[in-house]
């Protein structure tokens, strides 16, 4: 997987301290690529499990090496100082060492959907890599391993080894989901970005525009509300130009295309569908992509309807549908163009999204 034009493995290699033997364990399908990325490394084929892969790497460690660190390339932006911290601790303690971060979320034990109890998080930590060990002791632990373990520290402890911890680093997060990749892109582009700047960089805006002609044969639905005694709008669905413009703004900000590609006119499910349906589906797509909606601003350009007394009702309805503040304004085009001639309406919407990780 590429991040900012380079593979995760390439970024991970950058963090490794100088003057070490580097061993890369990779799938057989990626051996050539791994060798291109690290010409000075020893590259070997891994096994069917993490444990088997680490064993394959240990088998080619040079005889003179006394301390071994095992690291996940998925933690591609682990700072070099974490490697050095672990190495120092292994040398000073003579045992296994793992970098950790405190657990900040409340942890519950569940059985299916039932919540059974709250776990005391004060004694819990998040475990990261690289994990470090005395080479001879780690070799011995692997030779006697009789069960699969989720990390090397567990295997080392099962063989009687003592494991201690050092402080990890938030930049050593494991890249697993699309949201993790977005965060990694920012870290690759702006190393050392502080939290305020990261939040700002992960804010995204989108613009949506929709136009519909008046149709006296149709009822008017606008912003998810029914407007009695008003001329309606033509369209495949209910012609709700305001809801459609908001959908386009949200999809644009999230990089998810537009309402036409997501809910095309050839899809019978949306024939005659109200704006509420499109908004609910769009918000679900945006959230699934890892974003939350900050706010939406809407501008109606039309001779009618006049928002007037229904503006507060309209904003409250749209805010409930979007799950974030929606403000609505209206204007005319002073008799110019199709809106000024009373042929139809135009709606412009802007949306602000932020990454869930922030």
Foldseek 3Di string as FASTA:
>chain_A
DDFLRHDLLLLQVVQADPPAAAEAEDAPVCQVVNCVSPVRHHYYYADPDPLRRVLRRLVPHDPVDFKDWDADSLLRQFHNVVVVVQVVVCVVPVFKEWAWAQDDDWDFDADVPRTDGTDDRPPPIHTHDRIMHGSVLLNVLSVPDDDDDPDSVVSSVVVPTDYDYDHGDPSSDGQDDLLSSVLSNVCVVDPPDDPVVSQVVQKFKFKFKFWWFWDQVAFADELNDTDPPDTHTDDQARRHRRLQRQLQGLCRRLVNHGPCVVPNSVDVVRRNNTSLVSLLVSLVVSVVSQKAWAEKEKEKEAPDDDCPPVQVVSQVSNCVSRVYGYHYYYDYPCLDDCRSVRGIMMMMMMTMMGGNVD
